[in-house]
Amino acid sequence: MHRLLQRLDALGIQAKAQLLKGKPSSEIARHAQERDASLIVVGKHGQNWLASTVIGSTAANLCEIAGRPALMVP
């Protein structure tokens, strides 16, 4: 994570890492709400064509409970 933050910084992108404990979808939604985030970006899990047609449970749950826009990326 540290290397990723360094790469983003070198590109002029401000980023921060936060370690959260608990159910991922709930914690991400709570964290976004506390910071009044305008968008949540979450990865969709999928290893092959069949798996990629099904949205991961964390991403799907987050989209349902986020209370704000969520963008899923492959």
C-alpha atoms as a PDB file:
ATOM      1  CA  MET A   1       0.000   0.000   0.000  1.00  0.00           C
ATOM      2  CA  HIS A   2       2.869   2.337   0.804  1.00  0.00           C
ATOM      3  CA  ARG A   3       4.286   1.931  -2.738  1.00  0.00           C
ATOM      4  CA  LEU A   4       0.903   2.626  -4.289  1.00  0.00           C
ATOM      5  CA  LEU A   5       0.548   5.821  -2.242  1.00  0.00           C
ATOM      6  CA  GLN A   6       4.037   6.898  -3.350  1.00  0.00           C
ATOM      7  CA  ARG A   7       3.160   6.300  -7.010  1.00  0.00           C
ATOM      8  CA  LEU A   8      -0.044   8.301  -6.701  1.00  0.00           C
ATOM      9  CA  ASP A   9       1.815  11.116  -4.946  1.00  0.00           C
ATOM     10  CA  ALA A  10       4.383  11.197  -7.769  1.00  0.00           C
ATOM     11  CA  LEU A  11       1.484  11.674 -10.188  1.00  0.00           C
ATOM     12  CA  GLY A  12       0.134  14.566  -8.121  1.00  0.00           C
ATOM     13  CA  ILE A  13      -2.807  12.555  -6.807  1.00  0.00           C
ATOM     14  CA  GLN A  14      -3.655  13.050  -3.152  1.00  0.00           C
ATOM     15  CA  ALA A  15      -4.504   9.711  -1.527  1.00  0.00           C
ATOM     16  CA  LYS A  16      -4.721   8.250   1.948  1.00  0.00           C
ATOM     17  CA  ALA A  17      -4.829   4.651   3.210  1.00  0.00           C
ATOM     18  CA  GLN A  18      -7.010   3.611   6.142  1.00  0.00           C
ATOM     19  CA  LEU A  19      -7.098   0.205   7.833  1.00  0.00           C
ATOM     20  CA  LEU A  20     -10.620  -0.650   8.992  1.00  0.00           C
ATOM     21  CA  LYS A  21     -11.766  -3.596  11.101  1.00  0.00           C
ATOM     22  CA  GLY A  22     -15.176  -5.228  10.793  1.00  0.00           C
ATOM     23  CA  LYS A  23     -17.477  -6.245   7.942  1.00  0.00           C
ATOM     24  CA  PRO A  24     -15.889  -4.646   4.868  1.00  0.00           C
ATOM     25  CA  SER A  25     -19.044  -3.267   3.238  1.00  0.00           C
ATOM     26  CA  SER A  26     -20.341  -1.769   6.490  1.00  0.00           C
ATOM     27  CA  GLU A  27     -16.992  -0.253   7.439  1.00  0.00           C
ATOM     28  CA  ILE A  28     -16.404   1.249   3.997  1.00  0.00           C
ATOM     29  CA  ALA A  29     -19.919   2.773   3.995  1.00  0.00           C
ATOM     30  CA  ARG A  30     -19.442   4.131   7.535  1.00  0.00           C
ATOM     31  CA  HIS A  31     -16.022   5.558   6.673  1.00  0.00           C
ATOM     32  CA  ALA A  32     -17.384   7.237   3.532  1.00  0.00           C
ATOM     33  CA  GLN A  33     -20.302   8.711   5.469  1.00  0.00           C
ATOM     34  CA  GLU A  34     -18.023  10.099   8.208  1.00  0.00           C
ATOM     35  CA  ARG A  35     -15.933  11.852   5.563  1.00  0.00           C
ATOM     36  CA  ASP A  36     -18.922  12.906   3.447  1.00  0.00           C
ATOM     37  CA  ALA A  37     -17.343  11.193   0.442  1.00  0.00           C
ATOM     38  CA  SER A  38     -18.944  12.094  -2.872  1.00  0.00           C
ATOM     39  CA  LEU A  39     -18.066   8.739  -4.462  1.00  0.00           C
ATOM     40  CA  ILE A  40     -16.978   5.254  -3.368  1.00  0.00           C
ATOM     41  CA  VAL A  41     -14.907   3.251  -5.851  1.00  0.00           C
ATOM     42  CA  VAL A  42     -14.901  -0.495  -5.226  1.00  0.00           C
ATOM     43  CA  GLY A  43     -13.443  -3.396  -7.172  1.00  0.00           C
ATOM     44  CA  LYS A  44     -15.642  -6.203  -8.449  1.00  0.00           C
ATOM     45  CA  HIS A  45     -14.193  -9.656  -7.793  1.00  0.00           C
ATOM     46  CA  GLY A  46     -14.110 -12.180 -10.602  1.00  0.00           C
ATOM     47  CA  GLN A  47     -11.446 -14.627 -11.737  1.00  0.00           C
ATOM     48  CA  ASN A  48     -12.887 -15.839 -15.040  1.00  0.00           C
ATOM     49  CA  TRP A  49     -15.736 -15.107 -17.442  1.00  0.00           C
ATOM     50  CA  LEU A  50     -18.358 -16.925 -15.372  1.00  0.00           C
ATOM     51  CA  ALA A  51     -17.153 -15.447 -12.073  1.00  0.00           C
ATOM     52  CA  SER A  52     -16.959 -11.968 -13.604  1.00  0.00           C
ATOM     53  CA  THR A  53     -20.672 -12.066 -14.402  1.00  0.00           C
ATOM     54  CA  VAL A  54     -21.442 -12.264 -10.689  1.00  0.00           C
ATOM     55  CA  ILE A  55     -20.775  -9.232  -8.505  1.00  0.00           C
ATOM     56  CA  GLY A  56     -18.837  -9.970  -5.340  1.00  0.00           C
ATOM     57  CA  SER A  57     -20.930  -9.929  -2.176  1.00  0.00           C
ATOM     58  CA  THR A  58     -18.917  -7.115  -0.561  1.00  0.00           C
ATOM     59  CA  ALA A  59     -19.249  -4.840  -3.603  1.00  0.00           C
ATOM     60  CA  ALA A  60     -22.946  -5.649  -4.033  1.00  0.00           C
ATOM     61  CA  ASN A  61     -23.705  -5.081  -0.363  1.00  0.00           C
ATOM     62  CA  LEU A  62     -21.742  -1.833  -0.338  1.00  0.00           C
ATOM     63  CA  CYS A  63     -23.729  -0.509  -3.295  1.00  0.00           C
ATOM     64  CA  GLU A  64     -26.957  -1.285  -1.446  1.00  0.00           C
ATOM     65  CA  ILE A  65     -26.032   0.323   1.892  1.00  0.00           C
ATOM     66  CA  ALA A  66     -23.625   3.128   0.912  1.00  0.00           C
ATOM     67  CA  GLY A  67     -26.206   5.898   0.773  1.00  0.00           C
ATOM     68  CA  ARG A  68     -24.058   7.631  -1.850  1.00  0.00           C
ATOM     69  CA  PRO A  69     -22.800   6.923  -5.372  1.00  0.00           C
ATOM     70  CA  ALA A  70     -20.641   3.826  -5.692  1.00  0.00           C
ATOM     71  CA  LEU A  71     -18.612   2.958  -8.778  1.00  0.00           C
ATOM     72  CA  MET A  72     -17.697  -0.703  -9.314  1.00  0.00           C
ATOM     73  CA  VAL A  73     -14.622  -1.403 -11.409  1.00  0.00           C
ATOM     74  CA  PRO A  74     -13.332  -4.772 -12.652  1.00  0.00           C
END
